[in-house]
Amino acid sequence: VSGRLGSTGLGSYDGGQGNWIGGKVGRVPAGIGRRRMRIVVTGGAGFVGSHLVDRLVARGDDVIVIDNFFTGRKQNVAHHFGNPRFELIRHDVVEPILLEVDQIYHLACPASPTNVMGTLNMLGLAKRIGARFLLTSTSEVYGDPLEHPQKETYWGHVNPIGVRSCYDEGKRTAETLTMDYHRGADVEVRIARIFNTYGPRMCLDDGRVVSNFVAQAIRKEPMTVYGDGKQTRSFQYVSDLVDGLMALMEGEHIGPFNLGNPGEFTMLELAEVVKETIDPTATIAFKDNTADDPHKRKPDISKAKELLNWQPKVSLRDGLPLMVADFRNRILNQDEGKAH
């Protein structure tokens, strides 16, 4: 098969190996009789986005990635170059764009107010073309929660003028806009509230605690723990999150849904797991805590379990070595995870 999509059949794509595999005429990869979708993924060259793209391409869909490479990296999707069902557009979603697609996964969002403008533009596109729109929101909408674990019904406890506010309030506003477009313009929407996620292709120096600890341990630097290290987080492996996002998009429920792993670790416990995985001699350096750092963070995922039939499968001890192998490779190659 030459890779063309005419009467030669659909074929399928092995994202892991980067191989185009020819299909037979009339055969539909992944699900008999399933209509092939045209799907746009904003932020699709980023950490989570690129893993989602791998799954969508492997399923047999046409995928358009929109990314401005602010935090995304072309290498994350380079194995799809040459696949006729994959397209990459360098574009900032703060500027409007016109496309014809069935579904929009809106993942583009640096921690800044621009995420509101990007969300507004993509909701406008969804309204104009009748696409289903999925917003990746965040557990940060709960702020420093007074409820533990956090259910989707919890309204949050957020400082509107703090150092983290542009991200927290930006995502809260994005959720508001999403529901307004649903109620006012009948846009089909889905909202996911994503909790801490880790895995291969994370930026090496993005400031997130898992990537910090792993990169520091590989570089033989002390792991930086802020405050007393008793604050908790829950960590889900990226493949579990992608399963959840796809289940949400394909399902009939709007959400919001918490997508996270309820396994709760203190920062000191996380540091211990990283030590076990990478270097038993690794040390810890304590620093003053950052402002408005949430003390506890743990999702209640009973709603996603019941309505999406989703729950995470990969434990931290199983997932961390997969991420470490990727980080070790990139650090040894002096690739500092910057955009190219």
C-alpha atoms as a PDB file:
ATOM      1  CA  VAL A   1       0.000   0.000   0.000  1.00  0.00           C
ATOM      2  CA  SER A   2       1.392   3.361  -0.997  1.00  0.00           C
ATOM      3  CA  GLY A   3      -0.113   5.183   1.965  1.00  0.00           C
ATOM      4  CA  ARG A   4      -2.768   6.952  -0.117  1.00  0.00           C
ATOM      5  CA  LEU A   5      -6.279   6.906   1.261  1.00  0.00           C
ATOM      6  CA  GLY A   6      -8.320   6.450  -1.925  1.00  0.00           C
ATOM      7  CA  SER A   7      -9.741   3.095  -2.938  1.00  0.00           C
ATOM      8  CA  THR A   8      -6.666   1.341  -1.517  1.00  0.00           C
ATOM      9  CA  GLY A   9      -8.313   1.127   1.914  1.00  0.00           C
ATOM     10  CA  LEU A  10      -7.692   2.934   5.135  1.00  0.00           C
ATOM     11  CA  GLY A  11      -4.681   1.206   6.644  1.00  0.00           C
ATOM     12  CA  SER A  12      -3.597   1.904  10.176  1.00  0.00           C
ATOM     13  CA  TYR A  13      -0.698   3.587  11.832  1.00  0.00           C
ATOM     14  CA  ASP A  14       1.640   2.103  14.388  1.00  0.00           C
ATOM     15  CA  GLY A  15       2.540   5.266  16.308  1.00  0.00           C
ATOM     16  CA  GLY A  16       5.088   3.570  18.532  1.00  0.00           C
ATOM     17  CA  GLN A  17       7.157   2.292  15.625  1.00  0.00           C
ATOM     18  CA  GLY A  18       6.313   5.071  13.192  1.00  0.00           C
ATOM     19  CA  ASN A  19       5.209   2.563  10.564  1.00  0.00           C
ATOM     20  CA  TRP A  20       2.389   2.913   8.091  1.00  0.00           C
ATOM     21  CA  ILE A  21       0.516  -0.376   7.855  1.00  0.00           C
ATOM     22  CA  GLY A  22      -1.743  -0.931   4.857  1.00  0.00           C
ATOM     23  CA  GLY A  23      -5.328  -2.034   5.395  1.00  0.00           C
ATOM     24  CA  LYS A  24      -7.677  -3.960   3.132  1.00  0.00           C
ATOM     25  CA  VAL A  25     -10.431  -2.367   1.129  1.00  0.00           C
ATOM     26  CA  GLY A  26     -13.541  -1.808   3.216  1.00  0.00           C
ATOM     27  CA  ARG A  27     -11.848  -2.517   6.526  1.00  0.00           C
ATOM     28  CA  VAL A  28     -12.066   0.057   9.273  1.00  0.00           C
ATOM     29  CA  PRO A  29      -9.310   0.018  11.889  1.00  0.00           C
ATOM     30  CA  ALA A  30     -10.439  -0.060  15.524  1.00  0.00           C
ATOM     31  CA  GLY A  31     -14.147  -0.745  15.665  1.00  0.00           C
ATOM     32  CA  ILE A  32     -16.157  -2.265  12.855  1.00  0.00           C
ATOM     33  CA  GLY A  33     -18.244   0.284  10.976  1.00  0.00           C
ATOM     34  CA  ARG A  34     -16.923   3.220  12.973  1.00  0.00           C
ATOM     35  CA  ARG A  35     -16.858   6.429  10.924  1.00  0.00           C
ATOM     36  CA  ARG A  36     -13.421   7.931  10.596  1.00  0.00           C
ATOM     37  CA  MET A  37     -13.305  11.269  12.413  1.00  0.00           C
ATOM     38  CA  ARG A  38     -11.499  14.484  11.627  1.00  0.00           C
ATOM     39  CA  ILE A  39     -10.112  15.646  14.945  1.00  0.00           C
ATOM     40  CA  VAL A  40      -8.159  18.752  15.909  1.00  0.00           C
ATOM     41  CA  VAL A  41      -5.917  18.685  18.977  1.00  0.00           C
ATOM     42  CA  THR A  42      -4.737  22.104  20.131  1.00  0.00           C
ATOM     43  CA  GLY A  43      -1.471  21.799  21.998  1.00  0.00           C
ATOM     44  CA  GLY A  44      -1.048  18.452  20.246  1.00  0.00           C
ATOM     45  CA  ALA A  45       2.765  18.673  20.196  1.00  0.00           C
ATOM     46  CA  GLY A  46       2.849  18.993  23.974  1.00  0.00           C
ATOM     47  CA  PHE A  47       3.311  16.321  26.621  1.00  0.00           C
ATOM     48  CA  VAL A  48      -0.289  15.112  27.004  1.00  0.00           C
ATOM     49  CA  GLY A  49      -1.406  16.198  23.538  1.00  0.00           C
ATOM     50  CA  SER A  50       1.185  14.135  21.682  1.00  0.00           C
ATOM     51  CA  HIS A  51       0.191  10.955  23.548  1.00  0.00           C
ATOM     52  CA  LEU A  52      -3.464  11.655  22.707  1.00  0.00           C
ATOM     53  CA  VAL A  53      -2.501  12.188  19.042  1.00  0.00           C
ATOM     54  CA  ASP A  54      -0.700   8.815  19.006  1.00  0.00           C
ATOM     55  CA  ARG A  55      -3.881   7.077  20.171  1.00  0.00           C
ATOM     56  CA  LEU A  56      -6.191   8.921  17.764  1.00  0.00           C
ATOM     57  CA  VAL A  57      -3.948   8.233  14.752  1.00  0.00           C
ATOM     58  CA  ALA A  58      -3.576   4.581  15.750  1.00  0.00           C
ATOM     59  CA  ARG A  59      -7.378   4.363  15.967  1.00  0.00           C
ATOM     60  CA  GLY A  60      -7.620   5.421  12.329  1.00  0.00           C
ATOM     61  CA  ASP A  61      -8.737   9.040  12.598  1.00  0.00           C
ATOM     62  CA  ASP A  62      -7.537  12.080  10.652  1.00  0.00           C
ATOM     63  CA  VAL A  63      -5.717  14.287  13.149  1.00  0.00           C
ATOM     64  CA  ILE A  64      -4.799  17.957  12.844  1.00  0.00           C
ATOM     65  CA  VAL A  65      -2.424  19.300  15.489  1.00  0.00           C
ATOM     66  CA  ILE A  66      -2.373  23.021  16.218  1.00  0.00           C
ATOM     67  CA  ASP A  67       0.614  24.109  18.284  1.00  0.00           C
ATOM     68  CA  ASN A  68       2.750  27.248  18.589  1.00  0.00           C
ATOM     69  CA  PHE A  69       5.622  25.269  20.200  1.00  0.00           C
ATOM     70  CA  PHE A  70       5.659  27.499  23.278  1.00  0.00           C
ATOM     71  CA  THR A  71       5.897  24.396  25.473  1.00  0.00           C
ATOM     72  CA  GLY A  72       5.255  21.743  22.803  1.00  0.00           C
ATOM     73  CA  ARG A  73       8.070  20.127  20.831  1.00  0.00           C
ATOM     74  CA  LYS A  74       8.053  19.073  17.214  1.00  0.00           C
ATOM     75  CA  GLN A  75       9.936  15.887  18.141  1.00  0.00           C
ATOM     76  CA  ASN A  76       6.894  14.711  20.116  1.00  0.00           C
ATOM     77  CA  VAL A  77       4.925  14.228  16.895  1.00  0.00           C
ATOM     78  CA  ALA A  78       7.751  13.828  14.360  1.00  0.00           C
ATOM     79  CA  HIS A  79       7.079  10.080  14.021  1.00  0.00           C
ATOM     80  CA  HIS A  80       3.764  10.949  12.300  1.00  0.00           C
ATOM     81  CA  PHE A  81       5.350  13.105   9.592  1.00  0.00           C
ATOM     82  CA  GLY A  82       4.654  11.470   6.245  1.00  0.00           C
ATOM     83  CA  ASN A  83       1.424   9.885   7.424  1.00  0.00           C
ATOM     84  CA  PRO A  84      -1.333  11.276   5.148  1.00  0.00           C
ATOM     85  CA  ARG A  85      -3.799  11.214   8.050  1.00  0.00           C
ATOM     86  CA  PHE A  86      -1.679  13.568  10.181  1.00  0.00           C
ATOM     87  CA  GLU A  87      -1.301  17.314   9.788  1.00  0.00           C
ATOM     88  CA  LEU A  88       0.671  19.830  11.871  1.00  0.00           C
ATOM     89  CA  ILE A  89      -0.150  23.545  11.855  1.00  0.00           C
ATOM     90  CA  ARG A  90       2.097  26.044  13.617  1.00  0.00           C
ATOM     91  CA  HIS A  91      -0.448  28.455  15.029  1.00  0.00           C
ATOM     92  CA  ASP A  92      -1.266  30.274  18.266  1.00  0.00           C
ATOM     93  CA  VAL A  93      -4.899  29.699  19.249  1.00  0.00           C
ATOM     94  CA  VAL A  94      -5.058  33.285  20.548  1.00  0.00           C
ATOM     95  CA  GLU A  95      -5.577  34.023  16.841  1.00  0.00           C
ATOM     96  CA  PRO A  96      -8.750  32.550  15.265  1.00  0.00           C
ATOM     97  CA  ILE A  97      -8.448  29.664  12.805  1.00  0.00           C
ATOM     98  CA  LEU A  98     -10.958  28.060  10.433  1.00  0.00           C
ATOM     99  CA  LEU A  99     -11.029  24.275  10.040  1.00  0.00           C
ATOM    100  CA  GLU A 100     -13.641  21.639   9.245  1.00  0.00           C
ATOM    101  CA  VAL A 101     -13.521  18.947  11.936  1.00  0.00           C
ATOM    102  CA  ASP A 102     -15.827  16.691  13.965  1.00  0.00           C
ATOM    103  CA  GLN A 103     -14.132  17.001  17.347  1.00  0.00           C
ATOM    104  CA  ILE A 104     -11.909  19.546  19.088  1.00  0.00           C
ATOM    105  CA  TYR A 105      -9.647  18.501  21.946  1.00  0.00           C
ATOM    106  CA  HIS A 106      -8.554  21.843  23.424  1.00  0.00           C
ATOM    107  CA  LEU A 107      -5.311  21.225  25.316  1.00  0.00           C
ATOM    108  CA  ALA A 108      -3.372  24.380  24.372  1.00  0.00           C
ATOM    109  CA  CYS A 109      -2.840  26.419  27.490  1.00  0.00           C
ATOM    110  CA  PRO A 110       0.255  27.880  29.048  1.00  0.00           C
ATOM    111  CA  ALA A 111      -0.263  29.132  32.609  1.00  0.00           C
ATOM    112  CA  SER A 112      -1.349  32.588  31.542  1.00  0.00           C
ATOM    113  CA  PRO A 113      -4.491  34.620  30.804  1.00  0.00           C
ATOM    114  CA  THR A 114      -4.139  33.886  27.077  1.00  0.00           C
ATOM    115  CA  ASN A 115      -5.813  30.532  27.690  1.00  0.00           C
ATOM    116  CA  VAL A 116      -9.140  32.399  27.959  1.00  0.00           C
ATOM    117  CA  MET A 117      -8.721  33.922  24.486  1.00  0.00           C
ATOM    118  CA  GLY A 118      -7.680  30.581  23.015  1.00  0.00           C
ATOM    119  CA  THR A 119     -10.675  28.853  24.563  1.00  0.00           C
ATOM    120  CA  LEU A 120     -13.008  31.560  23.239  1.00  0.00           C
ATOM    121  CA  ASN A 121     -11.634  31.127  19.708  1.00  0.00           C
ATOM    122  CA  MET A 122     -11.933  27.339  19.764  1.00  0.00           C
ATOM    123  CA  LEU A 123     -15.466  27.493  21.192  1.00  0.00           C
ATOM    124  CA  GLY A 124     -16.339  29.918  18.377  1.00  0.00           C
ATOM    125  CA  LEU A 125     -14.970  27.398  15.880  1.00  0.00           C
ATOM    126  CA  ALA A 126     -16.951  24.567  17.489  1.00  0.00           C
ATOM    127  CA  LYS A 127     -20.148  26.666  17.280  1.00  0.00           C
ATOM    128  CA  ARG A 128     -19.525  27.614  13.650  1.00  0.00           C
ATOM    129  CA  ILE A 129     -18.823  24.093  12.361  1.00  0.00           C
ATOM    130  CA  GLY A 130     -20.930  22.019  14.782  1.00  0.00           C
ATOM    131  CA  ALA A 131     -17.963  20.185  16.335  1.00  0.00           C
ATOM    132  CA  ARG A 132     -17.899  18.556  19.754  1.00  0.00           C
ATOM    133  CA  PHE A 133     -15.546  20.485  22.066  1.00  0.00           C
ATOM    134  CA  LEU A 134     -13.545  19.030  24.954  1.00  0.00           C
ATOM    135  CA  LEU A 135     -11.890  21.421  27.416  1.00  0.00           C
ATOM    136  CA  THR A 136      -8.971  20.159  29.453  1.00  0.00           C
ATOM    137  CA  SER A 137      -9.435  22.052  32.689  1.00  0.00           C
ATOM    138  CA  THR A 138      -7.451  21.389  35.834  1.00  0.00           C
ATOM    139  CA  SER A 139      -7.616  20.429  39.486  1.00  0.00           C
ATOM    140  CA  GLU A 140      -6.275  23.962  40.077  1.00  0.00           C
ATOM    141  CA  VAL A 141      -9.883  25.189  39.774  1.00  0.00           C
ATOM    142  CA  TYR A 142     -10.280  23.847  43.336  1.00  0.00           C
ATOM    143  CA  GLY A 143      -7.489  26.149  44.584  1.00  0.00           C
ATOM    144  CA  ASP A 144      -6.250  25.201  48.063  1.00  0.00           C
ATOM    145  CA  PRO A 145      -9.201  22.938  48.804  1.00  0.00           C
ATOM    146  CA  LEU A 146     -11.116  22.840  52.073  1.00  0.00           C
ATOM    147  CA  GLU A 147     -12.771  19.598  50.896  1.00  0.00           C
ATOM    148  CA  HIS A 148     -10.735  16.377  50.708  1.00  0.00           C
ATOM    149  CA  PRO A 149     -10.790  14.477  48.441  1.00  0.00           C
ATOM    150  CA  GLN A 150     -12.238  16.897  45.876  1.00  0.00           C
ATOM    151  CA  LYS A 151     -15.536  16.102  44.174  1.00  0.00           C
ATOM    152  CA  GLU A 152     -16.693  17.844  40.983  1.00  0.00           C
ATOM    153  CA  THR A 153     -19.462  19.544  42.985  1.00  0.00           C
ATOM    154  CA  TYR A 154     -16.880  21.455  45.073  1.00  0.00           C
ATOM    155  CA  TRP A 155     -16.702  25.115  44.004  1.00  0.00           C
ATOM    156  CA  GLY A 156     -13.134  25.634  45.119  1.00  0.00           C
ATOM    157  CA  HIS A 157     -11.124  27.891  47.405  1.00  0.00           C
ATOM    158  CA  VAL A 158      -9.094  30.212  45.189  1.00  0.00           C
ATOM    159  CA  ASN A 159      -7.216  33.442  45.803  1.00  0.00           C
ATOM    160  CA  PRO A 160      -8.198  35.671  42.845  1.00  0.00           C
ATOM    161  CA  ILE A 161      -5.149  37.967  43.175  1.00  0.00           C
ATOM    162  CA  GLY A 162      -2.372  35.506  44.089  1.00  0.00           C
ATOM    163  CA  VAL A 163       0.721  34.471  42.157  1.00  0.00           C
ATOM    164  CA  ARG A 164      -1.030  31.351  40.824  1.00  0.00           C
ATOM    165  CA  SER A 165      -4.296  33.129  40.049  1.00  0.00           C
ATOM    166  CA  CYS A 166      -3.911  33.685  36.313  1.00  0.00           C
ATOM    167  CA  TYR A 167      -3.795  29.916  35.811  1.00  0.00           C
ATOM    168  CA  ASP A 168      -6.494  28.985  38.356  1.00  0.00           C
ATOM    169  CA  GLU A 169      -8.906  31.738  37.359  1.00  0.00           C
ATOM    170  CA  GLY A 170      -8.060  31.374  33.664  1.00  0.00           C
ATOM    171  CA  LYS A 171      -9.189  27.752  33.750  1.00  0.00           C
ATOM    172  CA  ARG A 172     -12.264  28.590  35.864  1.00  0.00           C
ATOM    173  CA  THR A 173     -13.183  31.217  33.254  1.00  0.00           C
ATOM    174  CA  ALA A 174     -12.577  28.688  30.458  1.00  0.00           C
ATOM    175  CA  GLU A 175     -15.051  26.319  32.148  1.00  0.00           C
ATOM    176  CA  THR A 176     -17.563  29.192  32.451  1.00  0.00           C
ATOM    177  CA  LEU A 177     -17.240  30.058  28.755  1.00  0.00           C
ATOM    178  CA  THR A 178     -17.567  26.397  27.787  1.00  0.00           C
ATOM    179  CA  MET A 179     -20.842  26.023  29.688  1.00  0.00           C
ATOM    180  CA  ASP A 180     -22.115  29.371  28.365  1.00  0.00           C
ATOM    181  CA  TYR A 181     -21.531  28.219  24.765  1.00  0.00           C
ATOM    182  CA  HIS A 182     -23.276  24.936  25.604  1.00  0.00           C
ATOM    183  CA  ARG A 183     -26.335  26.635  27.123  1.00  0.00           C
ATOM    184  CA  GLY A 184     -26.474  29.639  24.814  1.00  0.00           C
ATOM    185  CA  ALA A 185     -25.375  28.211  21.474  1.00  0.00           C
ATOM    186  CA  ASP A 186     -26.054  24.459  21.862  1.00  0.00           C
ATOM    187  CA  VAL A 187     -22.374  23.558  21.426  1.00  0.00           C
ATOM    188  CA  GLU A 188     -21.685  19.949  22.438  1.00  0.00           C
ATOM    189  CA  VAL A 189     -19.090  20.249  25.190  1.00  0.00           C
ATOM    190  CA  ARG A 190     -17.088  18.047  27.554  1.00  0.00           C
ATOM    191  CA  ILE A 191     -15.033  19.228  30.543  1.00  0.00           C
ATOM    192  CA  ALA A 192     -12.163  17.280  32.113  1.00  0.00           C
ATOM    193  CA  ARG A 193     -10.452  18.432  35.309  1.00  0.00           C
ATOM    194  CA  ILE A 194      -6.995  16.957  35.084  1.00  0.00           C
ATOM    195  CA  PHE A 195      -4.937  16.195  38.176  1.00  0.00           C
ATOM    196  CA  ASN A 196      -1.132  15.854  38.228  1.00  0.00           C
ATOM    197  CA  THR A 197       0.029  13.753  35.286  1.00  0.00           C
ATOM    198  CA  TYR A 198       3.492  12.444  34.442  1.00  0.00           C
ATOM    199  CA  GLY A 199       5.198  10.334  31.798  1.00  0.00           C
ATOM    200  CA  PRO A 200       7.553  10.422  28.817  1.00  0.00           C
ATOM    201  CA  ARG A 201       7.806  13.691  26.846  1.00  0.00           C
ATOM    202  CA  MET A 202       7.226  15.947  29.840  1.00  0.00           C
ATOM    203  CA  CYS A 203       9.316  19.105  29.655  1.00  0.00           C
ATOM    204  CA  LEU A 204      12.479  18.467  31.638  1.00  0.00           C
ATOM    205  CA  ASP A 205      12.430  21.822  33.409  1.00  0.00           C
ATOM    206  CA  ASP A 206       8.746  22.731  33.567  1.00  0.00           C
ATOM    207  CA  GLY A 207       8.774  23.265  37.336  1.00  0.00           C
ATOM    208  CA  ARG A 208       6.378  20.379  38.006  1.00  0.00           C
ATOM    209  CA  VAL A 209       7.372  18.289  40.968  1.00  0.00           C
ATOM    210  CA  VAL A 210       7.753  14.891  39.248  1.00  0.00           C
ATOM    211  CA  SER A 211       9.889  16.261  36.410  1.00  0.00           C
ATOM    212  CA  ASN A 212      11.913  18.335  38.917  1.00  0.00           C
ATOM    213  CA  PHE A 213      12.705  15.345  41.130  1.00  0.00           C
ATOM    214  CA  VAL A 214      13.474  12.991  38.240  1.00  0.00           C
ATOM    215  CA  ALA A 215      15.694  15.467  36.368  1.00  0.00           C
ATOM    216  CA  GLN A 216      17.530  16.448  39.552  1.00  0.00           C
ATOM    217  CA  ALA A 217      18.150  12.822  40.575  1.00  0.00           C
ATOM    218  CA  ILE A 218      19.452  11.918  37.092  1.00  0.00           C
ATOM    219  CA  ARG A 219      21.756  14.964  37.138  1.00  0.00           C
ATOM    220  CA  LYS A 220      23.009  14.006  40.639  1.00  0.00           C
ATOM    221  CA  GLU A 221      21.563  17.216  42.074  1.00  0.00           C
ATOM    222  CA  PRO A 222      19.654  17.367  45.387  1.00  0.00           C
ATOM    223  CA  MET A 223      15.866  17.077  44.960  1.00  0.00           C
ATOM    224  CA  THR A 224      14.206  20.372  45.915  1.00  0.00           C
ATOM    225  CA  VAL A 225      11.383  20.011  48.453  1.00  0.00           C
ATOM    226  CA  TYR A 226       9.423  23.150  49.314  1.00  0.00           C
ATOM    227  CA  GLY A 227       8.190  23.663  52.870  1.00  0.00           C
ATOM    228  CA  ASP A 228       8.145  20.569  55.077  1.00  0.00           C
ATOM    229  CA  GLY A 229       7.342  18.184  52.205  1.00  0.00           C
ATOM    230  CA  LYS A 230       4.103  17.071  53.873  1.00  0.00           C
ATOM    231  CA  GLN A 231       1.859  18.566  51.178  1.00  0.00           C
ATOM    232  CA  THR A 232       0.214  15.838  49.095  1.00  0.00           C
ATOM    233  CA  ARG A 233      -0.396  15.296  45.394  1.00  0.00           C
ATOM    234  CA  SER A 234      -1.781  12.434  43.343  1.00  0.00           C
ATOM    235  CA  PHE A 235       0.006  11.335  40.181  1.00  0.00           C
ATOM    236  CA  GLN A 236      -1.543   9.681  37.148  1.00  0.00           C
ATOM    237  CA  TYR A 237       0.383   8.153  34.276  1.00  0.00           C
ATOM    238  CA  VAL A 238      -0.259   9.826  30.933  1.00  0.00           C
ATOM    239  CA  SER A 239      -1.771   6.732  29.239  1.00  0.00           C
ATOM    240  CA  ASP A 240      -4.491   6.629  31.921  1.00  0.00           C
ATOM    241  CA  LEU A 241      -5.327  10.282  31.284  1.00  0.00           C
ATOM    242  CA  VAL A 242      -5.550   9.714  27.513  1.00  0.00           C
ATOM    243  CA  ASP A 243      -7.964   6.808  28.138  1.00  0.00           C
ATOM    244  CA  GLY A 244     -10.092   9.146  30.264  1.00  0.00           C
ATOM    245  CA  LEU A 245     -10.103  12.005  27.756  1.00  0.00           C
ATOM    246  CA  MET A 246     -11.168   9.698  24.924  1.00  0.00           C
ATOM    247  CA  ALA A 247     -13.866   8.058  27.059  1.00  0.00           C
ATOM    248  CA  LEU A 248     -15.202  11.521  27.938  1.00  0.00           C
ATOM    249  CA  MET A 249     -15.198  12.763  24.334  1.00  0.00           C
ATOM    250  CA  GLU A 250     -16.925   9.622  23.036  1.00  0.00           C
ATOM    251  CA  GLY A 251     -19.437   9.433  25.904  1.00  0.00           C
ATOM    252  CA  GLU A 252     -22.710  11.258  26.439  1.00  0.00           C
ATOM    253  CA  HIS A 253     -21.855  13.167  29.622  1.00  0.00           C
ATOM    254  CA  ILE A 254     -20.722  16.794  29.722  1.00  0.00           C
ATOM    255  CA  GLY A 255     -18.884  16.700  33.020  1.00  0.00           C
ATOM    256  CA  PRO A 256     -16.948  18.179  34.609  1.00  0.00           C
ATOM    257  CA  PHE A 257     -15.084  14.963  35.409  1.00  0.00           C
ATOM    258  CA  ASN A 258     -12.061  14.630  37.658  1.00  0.00           C
ATOM    259  CA  LEU A 259      -9.388  12.648  35.798  1.00  0.00           C
ATOM    260  CA  GLY A 260      -6.604  11.699  38.168  1.00  0.00           C
ATOM    261  CA  ASN A 261      -5.136   8.910  40.235  1.00  0.00           C
ATOM    262  CA  PRO A 262      -6.482   8.878  43.809  1.00  0.00           C
ATOM    263  CA  GLY A 263      -3.214   7.396  45.121  1.00  0.00           C
ATOM    264  CA  GLU A 264      -1.986  10.173  47.430  1.00  0.00           C
ATOM    265  CA  PHE A 265       1.716  10.866  48.115  1.00  0.00           C
ATOM    266  CA  THR A 266       3.453  13.484  50.219  1.00  0.00           C
ATOM    267  CA  MET A 267       6.352  15.231  48.497  1.00  0.00           C
ATOM    268  CA  LEU A 268       8.748  13.329  50.769  1.00  0.00           C
ATOM    269  CA  GLU A 269       7.147  10.001  49.804  1.00  0.00           C
ATOM    270  CA  LEU A 270       7.443  10.933  46.123  1.00  0.00           C
ATOM    271  CA  ALA A 271      11.109  11.782  46.653  1.00  0.00           C
ATOM    272  CA  GLU A 272      11.615   8.321  48.186  1.00  0.00           C
ATOM    273  CA  VAL A 273      10.030   6.570  45.178  1.00  0.00           C
ATOM    274  CA  VAL A 274      12.244   8.620  42.834  1.00  0.00           C
ATOM    275  CA  LYS A 275      15.302   7.657  44.925  1.00  0.00           C
ATOM    276  CA  GLU A 276      14.375   3.957  44.738  1.00  0.00           C
ATOM    277  CA  THR A 277      13.867   4.199  40.973  1.00  0.00           C
ATOM    278  CA  ILE A 278      16.890   6.291  39.994  1.00  0.00           C
ATOM    279  CA  ASP A 279      19.545   6.682  42.663  1.00  0.00           C
ATOM    280  CA  PRO A 280      19.414   5.433  46.281  1.00  0.00           C
ATOM    281  CA  THR A 281      22.082   7.999  47.195  1.00  0.00           C
ATOM    282  CA  ALA A 282      20.020  10.977  46.024  1.00  0.00           C
ATOM    283  CA  THR A 283      19.623  13.748  48.585  1.00  0.00           C
ATOM    284  CA  ILE A 284      16.907  16.297  49.410  1.00  0.00           C
ATOM    285  CA  ALA A 285      17.295  20.072  49.761  1.00  0.00           C
ATOM    286  CA  PHE A 286      14.529  21.912  51.641  1.00  0.00           C
ATOM    287  CA  LYS A 287      13.475  25.401  50.521  1.00  0.00           C
ATOM    288  CA  ASP A 288      10.825  27.885  51.641  1.00  0.00           C
ATOM    289  CA  ASN A 289       7.365  27.073  50.355  1.00  0.00           C
ATOM    290  CA  THR A 290       5.869  28.953  47.418  1.00  0.00           C
ATOM    291  CA  ALA A 291       2.839  31.189  47.933  1.00  0.00           C
ATOM    292  CA  ASP A 292      -0.654  29.648  47.693  1.00  0.00           C
ATOM    293  CA  ASP A 293       0.756  26.124  47.342  1.00  0.00           C
ATOM    294  CA  PRO A 294      -2.205  23.774  47.921  1.00  0.00           C
ATOM    295  CA  HIS A 295      -1.672  21.547  50.971  1.00  0.00           C
ATOM    296  CA  LYS A 296      -3.695  18.592  49.735  1.00  0.00           C
ATOM    297  CA  ARG A 297      -4.725  17.434  46.306  1.00  0.00           C
ATOM    298  CA  LYS A 298      -6.573  14.185  45.686  1.00  0.00           C
ATOM    299  CA  PRO A 299      -9.376  13.498  43.203  1.00  0.00           C
ATOM    300  CA  ASP A 300     -12.635  11.799  43.983  1.00  0.00           C
ATOM    301  CA  ILE A 301     -13.115   9.870  40.723  1.00  0.00           C
ATOM    302  CA  SER A 302     -16.334   8.020  41.559  1.00  0.00           C
ATOM    303  CA  LYS A 303     -18.236  10.058  38.914  1.00  0.00           C
ATOM    304  CA  ALA A 304     -15.783   9.055  36.135  1.00  0.00           C
ATOM    305  CA  LYS A 305     -15.840   5.439  37.333  1.00  0.00           C
ATOM    306  CA  GLU A 306     -19.628   5.305  37.194  1.00  0.00           C
ATOM    307  CA  LEU A 307     -20.419   7.357  34.061  1.00  0.00           C
ATOM    308  CA  LEU A 308     -17.291   6.893  31.912  1.00  0.00           C
ATOM    309  CA  ASN A 309     -16.340   3.422  33.149  1.00  0.00           C
ATOM    310  CA  TRP A 310     -12.846   4.852  33.639  1.00  0.00           C
ATOM    311  CA  GLN A 311     -10.245   4.515  36.315  1.00  0.00           C
ATOM    312  CA  PRO A 312      -6.440   4.695  36.282  1.00  0.00           C
ATOM    313  CA  LYS A 313      -4.560   1.421  35.881  1.00  0.00           C
ATOM    314  CA  VAL A 314      -0.877   2.412  36.187  1.00  0.00           C
ATOM    315  CA  SER A 315       0.622   2.843  39.657  1.00  0.00           C
ATOM    316  CA  LEU A 316       3.363   5.364  40.369  1.00  0.00           C
ATOM    317  CA  ARG A 317       5.904   2.582  40.905  1.00  0.00           C
ATOM    318  CA  ASP A 318       5.037   1.087  37.502  1.00  0.00           C
ATOM    319  CA  GLY A 319       4.813   4.352  35.570  1.00  0.00           C
ATOM    320  CA  LEU A 320       7.800   6.224  36.957  1.00  0.00           C
ATOM    321  CA  PRO A 321      10.484   3.940  35.418  1.00  0.00           C
ATOM    322  CA  LEU A 322       8.945   4.536  31.948  1.00  0.00           C
ATOM    323  CA  MET A 323       9.286   8.281  32.425  1.00  0.00           C
ATOM    324  CA  VAL A 324      12.791   7.944  33.902  1.00  0.00           C
ATOM    325  CA  ALA A 325      14.032   6.046  30.828  1.00  0.00           C
ATOM    326  CA  ASP A 326      12.804   8.883  28.583  1.00  0.00           C
ATOM    327  CA  PHE A 327      14.287  11.611  30.809  1.00  0.00           C
ATOM    328  CA  ARG A 328      17.623   9.817  31.119  1.00  0.00           C
ATOM    329  CA  ASN A 329      17.858   9.518  27.345  1.00  0.00           C
ATOM    330  CA  ARG A 330      17.074  13.203  26.788  1.00  0.00           C
ATOM    331  CA  ILE A 331      19.306  14.511  29.575  1.00  0.00           C
ATOM    332  CA  LEU A 332      22.242  12.392  28.438  1.00  0.00           C
ATOM    333  CA  ASN A 333      21.715  13.775  24.918  1.00  0.00           C
ATOM    334  CA  GLN A 334      21.762  17.295  26.346  1.00  0.00           C
ATOM    335  CA  ASP A 335      18.219  17.887  25.142  1.00  0.00           C
ATOM    336  CA  GLU A 336      16.825  20.304  27.674  1.00  0.00           C
ATOM    337  CA  GLY A 337      13.218  19.961  26.562  1.00  0.00           C
ATOM    338  CA  LYS A 338      13.036  23.370  24.937  1.00  0.00           C
ATOM    339  CA  ALA A 339      10.915  24.086  21.901  1.00  0.00           C
ATOM    340  CA  HIS A 340      12.648  23.775  18.530  1.00  0.00           C
END
